[in-house]
């Protein structure tokens, strides 16, 4: 596994979260989102379910991977502030499709559509 270098670590008291920017040395192309969550949680000593990866970006010409992550103290705050697709990104492929289907709005019944038109 690559080495992790913490570039920025700040506390956002207004949103009740810790904002961290990390650099995975030599990790571009090798680290998945779930592996990044695992590495961040072990490095910073926080539970995995409190860490949410916002972005993973590679740099042109380098093998480094820059990650931006938010660490929440309360899961309810995380669900309220962040969109659901960020949580779906970190799921395994099999579970991702099921979660996307659950988020899709259900089609309206024909009787309800007729009432709306009149």
Protein backbone atom coordinates (compact mmCIF):
# COMPACT_ATOMS: atom_id res chain seq x y z
CA UNK A 1 0.00 0.00 0.00
CA UNK A 2 1.10 3.56 -0.59
CA UNK A 3 2.15 6.00 2.08
CA UNK A 4 -0.31 8.60 3.29
CA UNK A 5 0.64 12.23 3.78
CA UNK A 6 -1.86 14.60 5.45
CA UNK A 7 -1.77 17.88 3.54
CA UNK A 8 -4.54 19.74 5.35
CA UNK A 9 -6.52 18.95 8.49
CA UNK A 10 -9.06 21.50 9.70
CA UNK A 11 -12.10 21.55 11.96
CA UNK A 12 -15.31 23.05 10.53
CA UNK A 13 -17.27 23.89 13.66
CA UNK A 14 -20.19 25.37 11.76
CA UNK A 15 -20.92 22.08 9.98
CA UNK A 16 -19.65 19.84 12.81
CA UNK A 17 -17.08 18.01 10.72
CA UNK A 18 -13.37 17.60 10.23
CA UNK A 19 -12.11 18.33 6.71
CA UNK A 20 -8.98 16.48 5.63
CA UNK A 21 -6.93 16.55 2.44
CA UNK A 22 -4.54 13.62 2.02
CA UNK A 23 -1.94 12.58 -0.52
CA UNK A 24 -1.59 8.86 -1.29
CA UNK A 25 1.98 8.56 -2.60
CA UNK A 26 2.05 6.18 -5.58
CA UNK A 27 -1.62 5.30 -5.15
CA UNK A 28 -3.08 6.46 -8.45
CA UNK A 29 -4.78 3.56 -10.18
CA UNK A 30 -4.42 1.24 -7.19
CA UNK A 31 -6.61 2.68 -4.44
CA UNK A 32 -10.38 2.34 -4.49
CA UNK A 33 -12.76 4.53 -2.51
CA UNK A 34 -13.38 1.79 0.04
CA UNK A 35 -9.63 1.21 0.46
CA UNK A 36 -9.15 4.98 0.90
CA UNK A 37 -11.82 5.06 3.62
CA UNK A 38 -10.12 2.13 5.36
CA UNK A 39 -6.70 3.80 5.17
CA UNK A 40 -7.99 7.16 6.41
CA UNK A 41 -9.89 5.61 9.31
CA UNK A 42 -6.87 3.60 10.49
CA UNK A 43 -4.47 6.53 10.04
CA UNK A 44 -6.65 9.03 11.91
CA UNK A 45 -8.18 6.57 14.40
CA UNK A 46 -11.83 7.22 13.53
CA UNK A 47 -14.64 4.75 12.69
CA UNK A 48 -15.09 3.92 8.99
CA UNK A 49 -18.78 4.84 8.99
CA UNK A 50 -17.92 8.43 10.00
CA UNK A 51 -15.56 9.00 7.01
CA UNK A 52 -16.91 10.15 3.64
CA UNK A 53 -14.66 10.56 0.58
CA UNK A 54 -15.59 13.70 -1.35
CA UNK A 55 -13.04 13.44 -4.16
CA UNK A 56 -10.11 11.33 -5.34
CA UNK A 57 -7.98 13.03 -7.98
CA UNK A 58 -4.85 11.94 -9.72
CA UNK A 59 -2.18 14.36 -10.87
CA UNK A 60 -0.91 14.39 -14.44
CA UNK A 61 2.54 12.85 -14.70
CA UNK A 62 2.56 11.65 -11.10
CA UNK A 63 1.45 8.45 -9.39
CA UNK A 64 0.04 10.39 -6.45
CA UNK A 65 -3.64 10.50 -5.57
CA UNK A 66 -5.13 13.47 -3.71
CA UNK A 67 -8.16 12.71 -1.55
CA UNK A 68 -10.54 15.11 0.12
CA UNK A 69 -12.53 13.59 2.98
CA UNK A 70 -14.99 14.74 5.60
CA UNK A 71 -15.06 13.10 9.02
CA UNK A 72 -18.27 13.56 10.97
CA UNK A 73 -18.88 13.04 14.66
CA UNK A 74 -22.59 12.37 14.06
CA UNK A 75 -24.00 10.14 11.28
CA UNK A 76 -27.24 12.14 11.19
CA UNK A 77 -25.31 15.30 10.30
CA UNK A 78 -23.57 13.42 7.49
CA UNK A 79 -26.87 12.21 6.01
CA UNK A 80 -28.38 15.68 6.27
CA UNK A 81 -25.46 17.57 4.69
CA UNK A 82 -24.15 15.28 1.97
CA UNK A 83 -26.01 13.88 -1.07
CA UNK A 84 -26.81 10.17 -1.07
CA UNK A 85 -24.71 9.40 -4.16
CA UNK A 86 -21.50 9.95 -2.16
CA UNK A 87 -22.45 7.05 0.11
CA UNK A 88 -23.40 4.88 -2.87
CA UNK A 89 -19.96 5.41 -4.48
CA UNK A 90 -18.26 3.63 -1.60
CA UNK A 91 -20.40 0.47 -1.82
CA UNK A 92 -19.28 -2.70 -3.62
CA UNK A 93 -20.51 -2.99 -7.25
CA UNK A 94 -23.29 -5.48 -6.45
CA UNK A 95 -24.79 -3.28 -3.75
CA UNK A 96 -24.39 -0.06 -5.76
CA UNK A 97 -26.99 -1.01 -8.36
CA UNK A 98 -29.54 -1.95 -5.69
CA UNK A 99 -28.98 1.33 -3.85
CA UNK A 100 -29.42 3.37 -7.05
CA UNK A 101 -32.68 1.60 -7.82
CA UNK A 102 -33.94 2.34 -4.32
CA UNK A 103 -33.23 6.07 -4.79
CA UNK A 104 -35.09 6.37 -8.12
CA UNK A 105 -38.54 7.94 -7.79
CA UNK A 106 -41.42 5.57 -8.36
CA UNK A 107 -43.61 6.33 -11.43
CA UNK A 108 -46.96 7.90 -10.55
CA UNK A 109 -50.09 5.78 -10.89
CA UNK A 110 -52.22 6.58 -14.01
CA UNK A 111 -55.20 7.64 -11.85
CA UNK A 112 -53.08 10.20 -10.02
CA UNK A 113 -51.71 11.56 -13.29
CA UNK A 114 -55.24 12.04 -14.67
CA UNK A 115 -56.25 13.97 -11.53
CA UNK A 116 -53.29 16.31 -11.91
CA UNK A 117 -54.21 17.14 -15.53
CA UNK A 118 -57.77 18.24 -14.71
